[in-house]
Protein backbone atom coordinates (compact mmCIF):
# COMPACT_ATOMS: atom_id res chain seq x y z
CA MET A 1 145.10 13.31 -46.01
CA PRO A 2 144.64 10.22 -43.66
CA LYS A 3 145.26 6.69 -45.18
CA TYR A 4 142.37 5.11 -44.16
CA HIS A 5 140.45 6.14 -47.50
CA THR A 6 142.07 3.52 -49.79
CA GLN A 7 139.56 3.50 -52.46
CA LYS A 8 136.59 5.30 -54.19
CA TYR A 9 133.28 3.59 -55.38
CA SER A 10 130.35 4.68 -57.14
CA ASN A 11 127.40 3.44 -56.05
CA ASP A 12 124.71 3.59 -58.73
CA ASP A 13 122.92 -0.03 -58.22
CA ASP A 14 119.51 -0.39 -59.29
CA GLN A 15 118.32 -0.64 -55.70
CA TYR A 16 118.91 2.68 -54.87
CA GLN A 17 117.23 4.28 -58.08
CA GLU A 18 114.45 5.61 -56.14
CA ILE A 19 116.74 7.36 -53.96
CA LEU A 20 119.15 8.62 -56.74
CA ASP A 21 115.68 9.94 -58.76
CA GLU A 22 114.65 11.64 -55.56
CA ARG A 23 118.25 13.72 -55.02
CA ASP A 24 118.09 13.91 -58.76
CA ILE A 25 121.65 12.56 -59.23
CA GLU A 26 123.01 9.61 -61.16
CA GLU A 27 125.57 8.24 -58.41
CA ILE A 28 126.66 8.14 -54.75
CA VAL A 29 130.37 8.32 -54.42
CA GLN A 30 131.57 6.18 -51.34
CA TYR A 31 134.77 5.46 -49.96
CA SER A 32 136.21 1.79 -48.75
CA ILE A 33 138.03 2.08 -45.05
CA LYS A 34 140.99 0.25 -44.75
CA PHE A 35 141.29 -1.81 -41.65
CA PHE A 36 144.22 -1.32 -39.75
CA ASN A 37 146.42 -4.49 -38.92
CA GLN A 38 147.46 -5.99 -35.47
CA SER A 39 151.03 -4.64 -36.10
CA ILE A 40 149.65 -1.01 -34.93
CA LYS A 41 148.94 -2.68 -31.54
CA THR A 42 152.57 -3.84 -31.22
CA ALA A 43 154.23 -0.78 -32.42
CA PRO A 44 156.66 0.76 -30.34
CA ILE A 45 155.12 4.10 -29.25
CA ARG A 46 156.12 6.65 -27.09
CA ILE A 47 153.91 9.26 -25.55
CA THR A 48 153.07 12.01 -23.65
CA ARG A 49 149.65 12.81 -22.27
CA HIS A 50 147.56 15.78 -23.11
CA THR A 51 144.55 17.07 -20.67
CA TRP A 52 141.81 18.05 -23.30
CA ARG A 53 140.38 21.40 -22.86
CA GLN A 54 137.78 23.71 -24.42
CA GLY A 55 139.35 25.06 -27.87
CA ASP A 56 141.56 21.45 -28.80
CA LYS A 57 141.21 20.35 -31.84
CA LEU A 58 143.06 16.85 -33.00
CA TYR A 59 144.35 18.70 -35.97
CA LYS A 60 145.77 21.44 -33.60
CA LEU A 61 147.67 19.00 -31.80
CA ALA A 62 148.95 17.21 -34.35
CA GLY A 63 150.54 20.62 -35.62
CA GLN A 64 151.79 21.31 -32.71
CA PHE A 65 153.44 18.15 -31.96
CA TYR A 66 154.41 16.68 -35.42
CA GLY A 67 154.43 19.66 -37.54
CA ASP A 68 151.91 18.43 -39.97
CA PHE A 69 148.25 18.94 -38.83
CA ARG A 70 147.20 16.06 -41.22
CA LEU A 71 148.52 13.63 -38.77
CA TRP A 72 145.29 14.25 -36.53
CA TRP A 73 144.40 10.40 -37.33
CA VAL A 74 147.13 9.16 -35.80
CA ILE A 75 146.21 10.73 -32.24
CA ALA A 76 142.54 9.40 -32.82
CA ILE A 77 144.07 5.89 -33.59
CA VAL A 78 146.07 5.70 -30.36
CA ASN A 79 143.03 7.05 -28.04
CA LYS A 80 140.45 4.95 -29.63
CA ILE A 81 138.43 7.50 -30.98
CA SER A 82 136.94 8.92 -34.42
CA SER A 83 136.56 12.92 -33.45
CA GLU A 84 136.63 15.44 -31.02
CA ALA A 85 132.99 15.05 -30.20
CA ASP A 86 134.33 11.34 -28.65
CA LEU A 87 136.45 13.65 -25.95
CA LYS A 88 135.25 15.50 -22.66
CA TYR A 89 136.99 18.50 -21.29
CA GLY A 90 139.33 17.32 -18.61
CA GLN A 91 139.85 13.82 -19.98
CA VAL A 92 143.55 12.87 -20.64
CA ILE A 93 144.67 11.70 -24.05
CA LYS A 94 147.87 10.24 -25.20
CA ILE A 95 149.80 12.02 -27.72
CA PRO A 96 152.41 9.56 -29.45
CA LEU A 97 155.61 11.28 -29.91
CA ASN A 98 157.06 9.40 -33.06
CA PRO A 99 153.72 9.24 -35.45
CA SER A 100 155.85 7.70 -38.17
CA ALA A 101 155.93 4.38 -35.73
CA ILE A 102 151.83 4.19 -36.92
CA VAL A 103 152.10 5.77 -40.11
CA ASN A 104 154.71 3.07 -41.42
CA ARG A 105 152.57 0.43 -40.00
CA ILE A 106 149.45 1.29 -42.04
């Protein structure tokens, strides 16, 4: 699981009461997002390059390169993207060869 979901919040504030009533729910669960610090930019990262093609998924690449599909977010961070939707076929992306250099700085 990516580490950017740091805390879970229940949003049951009175200002949202109309929306909650319309949906027939008591609360909306939200997550706070951890912002990455500057040390991630200075992490010693060795990379390889990969040309994005049909059928590619970040989790598949993480599984192939790291043996752990849950580290897809490391590839996303290095490429400054949020998901596969940000990529186009033929685009060259960076695959960090040492994901621990990033994981350990978060």
